[in-house]
Amino acid sequence: MRFIIDLIIRIGVIELFSVFFVLVNIFTFFLYVTDKRRARTGKWRIKEYSLILFTIACGGIGAFFGMRFANHKTRSTKFVVITAIGLIIAIIPVIHIAHALTLDTKVRYVEIDFFSENLPVELNGYLVAFITDFHTISNEDMCKWD
């Protein structure tokens, strides 16, 4: 678990999500194209459940372009509606990431060792999460609260 947290801290949440987002959309695109090719040749098909799952799981953009590129599932009302929902689901994080990057604000995880003689013994061993929207807070500022 610590490895994952260190990876997120080192790389960044936005960067990791961006890689995930791009990979899911590329994979979804190829799912639709592959399913169409298999449909033409009479081979084993990809389950509709898998297409729907990846479309809803942030793969709406890949599904949209896969449907258009391969002309696959374009007459199915169910898939047109699911792709529209998938596009909305996919665009929401894109808007938030663009917003975060333009405002130059990112979520950071920082560990600070804090000791106080005034704390009760019962709190020994507890971890405290401190969330703030202060943009300039330092260790010295934290110690002032002691």
N, C-alpha and C. Protein backbone atom coordinates (compact mmCIF):
# COMPACT_ATOMS: atom_id res chain seq x y z
N MET A 1 0.82 -1.19 0.00
CA MET A 1 0.00 0.00 0.00
C MET A 1 0.87 1.25 0.00
N ARG A 2 1.96 1.20 0.77
CA ARG A 2 2.85 2.36 0.84
C ARG A 2 3.47 2.66 -0.52
N PHE A 3 3.73 1.60 -1.32
CA PHE A 3 4.29 1.76 -2.65
C PHE A 3 3.35 2.58 -3.53
N ILE A 4 2.06 2.30 -3.43
CA ILE A 4 1.07 3.02 -4.23
C ILE A 4 1.01 4.49 -3.83
N ILE A 5 1.03 4.75 -2.53
CA ILE A 5 1.01 6.13 -2.05
C ILE A 5 2.26 6.87 -2.51
N ASP A 6 3.43 6.21 -2.41
CA ASP A 6 4.67 6.84 -2.86
C ASP A 6 4.63 7.12 -4.36
N LEU A 7 4.07 6.20 -5.13
CA LEU A 7 3.95 6.39 -6.57
C LEU A 7 3.05 7.58 -6.90
N ILE A 8 1.93 7.67 -6.20
CA ILE A 8 1.00 8.79 -6.41
C ILE A 8 1.67 10.10 -6.05
N ILE A 9 2.42 10.12 -4.95
CA ILE A 9 3.10 11.34 -4.52
C ILE A 9 4.16 11.73 -5.55
N ARG A 10 4.92 10.76 -6.01
CA ARG A 10 6.01 11.04 -6.94
C ARG A 10 5.50 11.49 -8.30
N ILE A 11 4.51 10.80 -8.82
CA ILE A 11 4.02 11.09 -10.17
C ILE A 11 2.94 12.17 -10.15
N GLY A 12 2.00 12.06 -9.25
CA GLY A 12 0.92 13.03 -9.17
C GLY A 12 -0.41 12.39 -9.54
N VAL A 13 -1.45 12.79 -8.85
CA VAL A 13 -2.78 12.23 -9.06
C VAL A 13 -3.29 12.56 -10.47
N ILE A 14 -3.11 13.80 -10.87
CA ILE A 14 -3.62 14.21 -12.18
C ILE A 14 -2.90 13.46 -13.29
N GLU A 15 -1.60 13.31 -13.18
CA GLU A 15 -0.84 12.61 -14.20
C GLU A 15 -1.23 11.13 -14.28
N LEU A 16 -1.39 10.48 -13.12
CA LEU A 16 -1.79 9.07 -13.12
C LEU A 16 -3.18 8.89 -13.70
N PHE A 17 -4.11 9.77 -13.34
CA PHE A 17 -5.45 9.66 -13.89
C PHE A 17 -5.44 9.92 -15.39
N SER A 18 -4.62 10.85 -15.84
CA SER A 18 -4.53 11.14 -17.27
C SER A 18 -4.07 9.92 -18.05
N VAL A 19 -3.07 9.21 -17.53
CA VAL A 19 -2.58 7.99 -18.19
C VAL A 19 -3.69 6.94 -18.20
N PHE A 20 -4.36 6.75 -17.07
CA PHE A 20 -5.48 5.81 -16.99
C PHE A 20 -6.56 6.18 -18.01
N PHE A 21 -6.90 7.44 -18.07
CA PHE A 21 -7.97 7.93 -18.95
C PHE A 21 -7.64 7.65 -20.41
N VAL A 22 -6.43 7.96 -20.82
CA VAL A 22 -6.02 7.74 -22.21
C VAL A 22 -6.02 6.24 -22.53
N LEU A 23 -5.47 5.42 -21.63
CA LEU A 23 -5.42 3.98 -21.87
C LEU A 23 -6.81 3.35 -21.96
N VAL A 24 -7.72 3.76 -21.08
CA VAL A 24 -9.08 3.22 -21.12
C VAL A 24 -9.76 3.59 -22.44
N ASN A 25 -9.58 4.81 -22.91
CA ASN A 25 -10.21 5.21 -24.16
C ASN A 25 -9.61 4.52 -25.38
N ILE A 26 -8.29 4.33 -25.38
CA ILE A 26 -7.66 3.59 -26.48
C ILE A 26 -8.14 2.14 -26.48
N PHE A 27 -8.17 1.53 -25.29
CA PHE A 27 -8.64 0.15 -25.17
C PHE A 27 -10.09 0.01 -25.61
N THR A 28 -10.94 0.95 -25.21
CA THR A 28 -12.35 0.90 -25.59
C THR A 28 -12.51 1.05 -27.10
N PHE A 29 -11.74 1.96 -27.69
CA PHE A 29 -11.76 2.12 -29.15
C PHE A 29 -11.46 0.79 -29.83
N PHE A 30 -10.38 0.13 -29.39
CA PHE A 30 -10.00 -1.13 -30.02
C PHE A 30 -10.99 -2.25 -29.72
N LEU A 31 -11.69 -2.20 -28.60
CA LEU A 31 -12.75 -3.19 -28.34
C LEU A 31 -13.84 -3.10 -29.39
N TYR A 32 -14.29 -1.88 -29.68
CA TYR A 32 -15.35 -1.70 -30.67
C TYR A 32 -14.89 -2.11 -32.07
N VAL A 33 -13.68 -1.71 -32.43
CA VAL A 33 -13.17 -2.06 -33.76
C VAL A 33 -12.98 -3.57 -33.88
N THR A 34 -12.44 -4.19 -32.85
CA THR A 34 -12.23 -5.65 -32.86
C THR A 34 -13.56 -6.39 -32.92
N ASP A 35 -14.55 -5.92 -32.17
CA ASP A 35 -15.86 -6.57 -32.19
C ASP A 35 -16.49 -6.49 -33.58
N LYS A 36 -16.33 -5.37 -34.25
CA LYS A 36 -16.88 -5.22 -35.61
C LYS A 36 -16.17 -6.17 -36.58
N ARG A 37 -14.85 -6.26 -36.48
CA ARG A 37 -14.10 -7.18 -37.36
C ARG A 37 -14.50 -8.62 -37.13
N ARG A 38 -14.70 -8.98 -35.86
CA ARG A 38 -15.12 -10.35 -35.55
C ARG A 38 -16.55 -10.60 -36.02
N ALA A 39 -17.38 -9.59 -35.99
CA ALA A 39 -18.76 -9.75 -36.47
C ALA A 39 -18.77 -10.01 -37.98
N ARG A 40 -17.89 -9.33 -38.70
CA ARG A 40 -17.82 -9.52 -40.16
C ARG A 40 -17.32 -10.91 -40.53
N THR A 41 -16.38 -11.44 -39.76
CA THR A 41 -15.78 -12.74 -40.10
C THR A 41 -16.47 -13.91 -39.42
N GLY A 42 -17.48 -13.63 -38.59
CA GLY A 42 -18.22 -14.69 -37.92
C GLY A 42 -17.47 -15.33 -36.77
N LYS A 43 -16.49 -14.66 -36.23
CA LYS A 43 -15.72 -15.19 -35.11
C LYS A 43 -16.40 -14.85 -33.79
N TRP A 44 -15.78 -15.36 -32.71
CA TRP A 44 -16.26 -15.10 -31.35
C TRP A 44 -16.29 -13.60 -31.10
N ARG A 45 -17.40 -13.12 -30.56
CA ARG A 45 -17.61 -11.69 -30.35
C ARG A 45 -17.29 -11.28 -28.93
N ILE A 46 -17.04 -10.00 -28.75
CA ILE A 46 -16.85 -9.41 -27.43
C ILE A 46 -18.23 -9.19 -26.82
N LYS A 47 -18.39 -9.54 -25.55
CA LYS A 47 -19.69 -9.42 -24.90
C LYS A 47 -20.13 -7.96 -24.84
N GLU A 48 -21.43 -7.76 -25.01
CA GLU A 48 -21.97 -6.40 -24.92
C GLU A 48 -21.70 -5.81 -23.54
N TYR A 49 -21.73 -6.65 -22.52
CA TYR A 49 -21.45 -6.18 -21.16
C TYR A 49 -20.07 -5.54 -21.08
N SER A 50 -19.08 -6.13 -21.73
CA SER A 50 -17.72 -5.58 -21.72
C SER A 50 -17.67 -4.24 -22.44
N LEU A 51 -18.34 -4.15 -23.57
CA LEU A 51 -18.39 -2.89 -24.30
C LEU A 51 -19.04 -1.79 -23.45
N ILE A 52 -20.14 -2.14 -22.80
CA ILE A 52 -20.86 -1.17 -21.96
C ILE A 52 -20.00 -0.78 -20.76
N LEU A 53 -19.37 -1.75 -20.12
CA LEU A 53 -18.56 -1.47 -18.94
C LEU A 53 -17.43 -0.49 -19.25
N PHE A 54 -16.70 -0.72 -20.32
CA PHE A 54 -15.59 0.17 -20.66
C PHE A 54 -16.08 1.52 -21.18
N THR A 55 -17.25 1.53 -21.80
CA THR A 55 -17.81 2.81 -22.24
C THR A 55 -18.16 3.68 -21.04
N ILE A 56 -18.76 3.08 -20.02
CA ILE A 56 -19.17 3.83 -18.82
C ILE A 56 -17.96 4.17 -17.95
N ALA A 57 -16.93 3.33 -17.95
CA ALA A 57 -15.75 3.53 -17.09
C ALA A 57 -14.77 4.49 -17.76
N CYS A 58 -15.22 5.68 -18.07
CA CYS A 58 -14.41 6.76 -18.66
C CYS A 58 -13.94 6.46 -20.07
N GLY A 59 -14.51 5.47 -20.74
CA GLY A 59 -14.11 5.16 -22.11
C GLY A 59 -15.08 5.66 -23.15
N GLY A 60 -15.89 6.63 -22.80
CA GLY A 60 -16.91 7.14 -23.72
C GLY A 60 -16.35 7.75 -24.99
N ILE A 61 -15.22 8.41 -24.89
CA ILE A 61 -14.61 9.03 -26.08
C ILE A 61 -14.11 7.95 -27.02
N GLY A 62 -13.44 6.94 -26.48
CA GLY A 62 -12.98 5.83 -27.30
C GLY A 62 -14.13 5.06 -27.93
N ALA A 63 -15.22 4.90 -27.16
CA ALA A 63 -16.40 4.22 -27.70
C ALA A 63 -17.02 5.02 -28.84
N PHE A 64 -17.12 6.32 -28.66
CA PHE A 64 -17.70 7.18 -29.70
C PHE A 64 -16.91 7.06 -31.00
N PHE A 65 -15.58 7.21 -30.90
CA PHE A 65 -14.76 7.13 -32.11
C PHE A 65 -14.69 5.71 -32.65
N GLY A 66 -14.72 4.70 -31.79
CA GLY A 66 -14.75 3.32 -32.25
C GLY A 66 -16.02 3.00 -33.01
N MET A 67 -17.15 3.51 -32.51
CA MET A 67 -18.43 3.31 -33.20
C MET A 67 -18.42 3.98 -34.56
N ARG A 68 -17.88 5.19 -34.62
CA ARG A 68 -17.86 5.93 -35.89
C ARG A 68 -16.86 5.34 -36.88
N PHE A 69 -15.67 5.00 -36.39
CA PHE A 69 -14.61 4.48 -37.25
C PHE A 69 -15.01 3.15 -37.87
N ALA A 70 -15.56 2.24 -37.06
CA ALA A 70 -15.89 0.90 -37.54
C ALA A 70 -17.35 0.80 -37.97
N ASN A 71 -18.11 1.87 -37.83
CA ASN A 71 -19.55 1.86 -38.11
C ASN A 71 -20.20 0.67 -37.38
N HIS A 72 -19.95 0.63 -36.08
CA HIS A 72 -20.38 -0.51 -35.26
C HIS A 72 -21.31 -0.03 -34.16
N LYS A 73 -22.43 -0.70 -34.03
CA LYS A 73 -23.45 -0.42 -33.01
C LYS A 73 -24.07 0.97 -33.17
N THR A 74 -23.95 1.56 -34.32
CA THR A 74 -24.48 2.92 -34.53
C THR A 74 -26.00 2.92 -34.68
N ARG A 75 -26.59 1.79 -35.04
CA ARG A 75 -28.05 1.72 -35.17
C ARG A 75 -28.73 1.22 -33.90
N SER A 76 -27.94 0.79 -32.94
CA SER A 76 -28.49 0.28 -31.68
C SER A 76 -28.76 1.46 -30.75
N THR A 77 -30.04 1.67 -30.47
CA THR A 77 -30.42 2.78 -29.58
C THR A 77 -29.77 2.64 -28.22
N LYS A 78 -29.70 1.41 -27.74
CA LYS A 78 -29.08 1.17 -26.43
C LYS A 78 -27.63 1.67 -26.43
N PHE A 79 -26.87 1.35 -27.46
CA PHE A 79 -25.46 1.75 -27.49
C PHE A 79 -25.28 3.24 -27.77
N VAL A 80 -26.18 3.83 -28.51
CA VAL A 80 -26.11 5.28 -28.73
C VAL A 80 -26.33 6.01 -27.41
N VAL A 81 -27.32 5.57 -26.63
CA VAL A 81 -27.60 6.20 -25.34
C VAL A 81 -26.44 5.95 -24.37
N ILE A 82 -25.95 4.71 -24.31
CA ILE A 82 -24.84 4.38 -23.40
C ILE A 82 -23.58 5.16 -23.78
N THR A 83 -23.33 5.33 -25.06
CA THR A 83 -22.17 6.11 -25.49
C THR A 83 -22.33 7.58 -25.12
N ALA A 84 -23.54 8.11 -25.23
CA ALA A 84 -23.78 9.50 -24.82
C ALA A 84 -23.52 9.66 -23.32
N ILE A 85 -24.00 8.71 -22.53
CA ILE A 85 -23.75 8.74 -21.08
C ILE A 85 -22.25 8.59 -20.81
N GLY A 86 -21.60 7.68 -21.52
CA GLY A 86 -20.16 7.49 -21.37
C GLY A 86 -19.36 8.73 -21.74
N LEU A 87 -19.81 9.46 -22.77
CA LEU A 87 -19.15 10.72 -23.14
C LEU A 87 -19.26 11.75 -22.02
N ILE A 88 -20.45 11.84 -21.44
CA ILE A 88 -20.64 12.78 -20.33
C ILE A 88 -19.75 12.40 -19.15
N ILE A 89 -19.73 11.11 -18.83
CA ILE A 89 -18.89 10.64 -17.72
C ILE A 89 -17.42 10.91 -18.01
N ALA A 90 -17.00 10.76 -19.27
CA ALA A 90 -15.59 10.96 -19.63
C ALA A 90 -15.22 12.44 -19.67
N ILE A 91 -16.16 13.29 -20.03
CA ILE A 91 -15.84 14.72 -20.16
C ILE A 91 -15.75 15.40 -18.80
N ILE A 92 -16.48 14.92 -17.81
CA ILE A 92 -16.46 15.55 -16.49
C ILE A 92 -15.04 15.58 -15.90
N PRO A 93 -14.30 14.47 -15.85
CA PRO A 93 -12.94 14.57 -15.31
C PRO A 93 -12.01 15.41 -16.18
N VAL A 94 -12.23 15.42 -17.49
CA VAL A 94 -11.40 16.24 -18.37
C VAL A 94 -11.58 17.72 -18.01
N ILE A 95 -12.82 18.12 -17.76
CA ILE A 95 -13.08 19.51 -17.37
C ILE A 95 -12.42 19.82 -16.04
N HIS A 96 -12.52 18.90 -15.09
CA HIS A 96 -11.90 19.13 -13.78
C HIS A 96 -10.37 19.19 -13.87
N ILE A 97 -9.78 18.33 -14.68
CA ILE A 97 -8.32 18.36 -14.84
C ILE A 97 -7.89 19.65 -15.51
N ALA A 98 -8.60 20.05 -16.54
CA ALA A 98 -8.27 21.32 -17.20
C ALA A 98 -8.41 22.49 -16.22
N HIS A 99 -9.44 22.44 -15.41
CA HIS A 99 -9.64 23.48 -14.41
C HIS A 99 -8.50 23.50 -13.40
N ALA A 100 -8.10 22.33 -12.94
CA ALA A 100 -7.02 22.24 -11.95
C ALA A 100 -5.70 22.73 -12.55
N LEU A 101 -5.44 22.39 -13.80
CA LEU A 101 -4.18 22.79 -14.42
C LEU A 101 -4.15 24.29 -14.72
N THR A 102 -5.28 24.85 -15.08
CA THR A 102 -5.30 26.28 -15.39
C THR A 102 -5.22 27.12 -14.14
N LEU A 103 -5.72 26.63 -13.02
CA LEU A 103 -5.64 27.39 -11.78
C LEU A 103 -4.36 27.12 -11.02
N ASP A 104 -3.55 26.18 -11.55
CA ASP A 104 -2.29 25.83 -10.94
C ASP A 104 -2.46 25.38 -9.50
N THR A 105 -3.51 24.63 -9.23
CA THR A 105 -3.70 24.06 -7.90
C THR A 105 -3.73 22.56 -8.04
N LYS A 106 -2.99 21.90 -7.20
CA LYS A 106 -2.96 20.44 -7.20
C LYS A 106 -3.07 19.95 -5.78
N VAL A 107 -3.63 18.79 -5.63
CA VAL A 107 -3.71 18.19 -4.31
C VAL A 107 -2.34 17.60 -3.98
N ARG A 108 -1.85 17.89 -2.81
CA ARG A 108 -0.56 17.36 -2.38
C ARG A 108 -0.74 16.59 -1.08
N TYR A 109 0.07 15.59 -0.93
CA TYR A 109 0.09 14.81 0.29
C TYR A 109 1.42 15.09 0.97
N VAL A 110 1.37 15.58 2.18
CA VAL A 110 2.58 15.92 2.92
C VAL A 110 2.48 15.31 4.30
N GLU A 111 3.55 14.64 4.72
CA GLU A 111 3.60 14.10 6.08
C GLU A 111 4.43 15.03 6.93
N ILE A 112 3.89 15.40 8.08
CA ILE A 112 4.59 16.26 9.02
C ILE A 112 4.58 15.56 10.38
N ASP A 113 5.75 15.42 10.96
CA ASP A 113 5.82 14.88 12.32
C ASP A 113 5.48 16.00 13.30
N PHE A 114 4.52 15.74 14.14
CA PHE A 114 4.03 16.75 15.07
C PHE A 114 4.05 16.17 16.47
N PHE A 115 4.73 16.84 17.37
CA PHE A 115 4.81 16.40 18.75
C PHE A 115 4.33 17.52 19.66
N SER A 116 3.61 17.14 20.68
CA SER A 116 3.16 18.13 21.65
C SER A 116 3.09 17.48 23.02
N GLU A 117 3.53 18.21 24.00
CA GLU A 117 3.46 17.72 25.37
C GLU A 117 2.06 17.88 25.94
N ASN A 118 1.22 18.67 25.26
CA ASN A 118 -0.11 18.97 25.76
C ASN A 118 -1.16 17.94 25.34
N LEU A 119 -0.78 17.01 24.45
CA LEU A 119 -1.74 16.02 23.98
C LEU A 119 -1.93 14.92 25.02
N PRO A 120 -3.15 14.43 25.19
CA PRO A 120 -3.38 13.32 26.12
C PRO A 120 -2.70 12.04 25.64
N VAL A 121 -2.35 11.20 26.56
CA VAL A 121 -1.67 9.94 26.26
C VAL A 121 -2.55 9.04 25.38
N GLU A 122 -3.85 9.17 25.50
CA GLU A 122 -4.78 8.33 24.74
C GLU A 122 -4.62 8.52 23.23
N LEU A 123 -4.07 9.64 22.81
CA LEU A 123 -3.92 9.92 21.38
C LEU A 123 -2.62 9.39 20.79
N ASN A 124 -1.77 8.77 21.60
CA ASN A 124 -0.52 8.20 21.10
C ASN A 124 -0.84 7.11 20.07
N GLY A 125 -0.12 7.16 18.95
CA GLY A 125 -0.30 6.16 17.91
C GLY A 125 -1.36 6.50 16.88
N TYR A 126 -2.14 7.55 17.10
CA TYR A 126 -3.15 7.95 16.13
C TYR A 126 -2.54 8.80 15.03
N LEU A 127 -3.05 8.63 13.83
CA LEU A 127 -2.67 9.49 12.71
C LEU A 127 -3.76 10.52 12.53
N VAL A 128 -3.38 11.72 12.27
CA VAL A 128 -4.34 12.80 12.10
C VAL A 128 -4.23 13.31 10.68
N ALA A 129 -5.36 13.40 10.00
CA ALA A 129 -5.39 13.97 8.66
C ALA A 129 -5.80 15.42 8.78
N PHE A 130 -5.02 16.29 8.19
CA PHE A 130 -5.30 17.71 8.22
C PHE A 130 -5.47 18.17 6.79
N ILE A 131 -6.63 18.63 6.46
CA ILE A 131 -6.91 19.09 5.11
C ILE A 131 -7.15 20.59 5.17
N THR A 132 -6.50 21.29 4.28
CA THR A 132 -6.63 22.74 4.30
C THR A 132 -6.65 23.29 2.89
N ASP A 133 -7.22 24.45 2.74
CA ASP A 133 -7.16 25.12 1.45
C ASP A 133 -6.15 26.26 1.50
N PHE A 134 -5.39 26.33 2.59
CA PHE A 134 -4.34 27.32 2.67
C PHE A 134 -3.27 26.95 1.65
N HIS A 135 -2.79 27.91 0.93
CA HIS A 135 -1.81 27.63 -0.10
C HIS A 135 -0.38 27.80 0.40
N THR A 136 -0.22 28.50 1.49
CA THR A 136 1.12 28.68 2.05
C THR A 136 1.08 28.33 3.52
N ILE A 137 1.32 27.08 3.81
CA ILE A 137 1.39 26.65 5.20
C ILE A 137 2.70 25.89 5.36
N SER A 138 3.43 26.21 6.38
CA SER A 138 4.74 25.62 6.58
C SER A 138 4.78 24.86 7.90
N ASN A 139 5.87 24.17 8.14
CA ASN A 139 6.04 23.47 9.40
C ASN A 139 6.02 24.45 10.58
N GLU A 140 6.58 25.64 10.36
CA GLU A 140 6.60 26.64 11.43
C GLU A 140 5.17 27.07 11.76
N ASP A 141 4.34 27.22 10.74
CA ASP A 141 2.94 27.58 10.99
C ASP A 141 2.22 26.48 11.76
N MET A 142 2.52 25.23 11.44
CA MET A 142 1.90 24.11 12.14
C MET A 142 2.31 24.12 13.63
N CYS A 143 3.57 24.44 13.88
CA CYS A 143 4.07 24.43 15.27
C CYS A 143 3.46 25.55 16.10
N LYS A 144 2.99 26.61 15.46
CA LYS A 144 2.37 27.72 16.20
C LYS A 144 1.08 27.27 16.88
N TRP A 145 0.47 26.20 16.37
CA TRP A 145 -0.79 25.72 16.91
C TRP A 145 -0.58 24.86 18.14
N ASP A 146 0.66 24.60 18.48
CA ASP A 146 0.98 23.74 19.61
C ASP A 146 0.63 24.40 20.93
